[in-house]
């Protein structure tokens, strides 16, 4: 359990450093630069470093540490709950940033800056975690350094089935994200953490369940066993297709591309009662009413 305690301390250290960086950059930078660059950089670094350490525990922990998947899944839920509470609005996920662009919530320049910051954050997180592993503070890290040069691909199914699995995970994740977009953080954060934990438990044995192109590129693209096109198809195109499908299903269209609703008919928000509608029709023609009154008076005379 000593190795697990060191990993937990590493998680706390990464979150603390990133939180300090967020507080400092919020004071020094303008809101635009903080929101598009510093916030996404810190979030991507925090996510990548934590997931790499957790992935190491998944691969080595069961036979090197004697703990089962329940420990890893519990850590995963706690980590994503902490990430959701501390990210300060950052997505640390290219498909989420692209979704905001398609929803007209972000312009092209801001979206491009977020994607660059996410790539830089995940790359820095990968380099720092590799340096941390080289210190070999635990037996886990010693074993990780021995097998690092011979890492195998996380794709354990055919590329088409793996792309479908990643796309399905992305579809469900973005659907929950869209549904909880206006919810309070006290409800949104644990719900998203539970969703990520469930999807990782379900699809992890087949693809690793990243549904995050930047995180997958830093974690598994350098491993042997699959071609670069297989990685692109599974970890980039799959999540992108899942995000587009969730956006189309939830909104009925893609606001950046279509103004008309493609799936759902637009109905009036207010309904007119039938009695009022009938009265309105009968009294809508003053000529008919006047003619009726005139004929009635003639009949009486």
Foldseek 3Di string as FASTA:
>chain_A
DVVVVVLVVVLVVLLVVLLVQLVVCPVVDDPLCSQQASLLLSLLLSVLLNVQSLVLCQVQVVPPPVDDVVVSLVVLLVSQLSSLVRSVPHDLFLLVLVLCCLQVNDDPVSSVSNVVSSLNNNQVSLVVNLVVLVVCPDVSSVVCVVCVVADAAQAPDPLVVLLQLLLQLLLVLLLLCVVCVPPDSVPSRSVSSVSQSVSQVVCCNHHNNPLGLSSCCSRGCPHDDDDNVSSCSNNPVSSNNSSVVNVCVVQQDRNNPDPDRPHDDDDDPDDDDPVVVVVCVVPVDVVVVVVVVVVVVVVVD
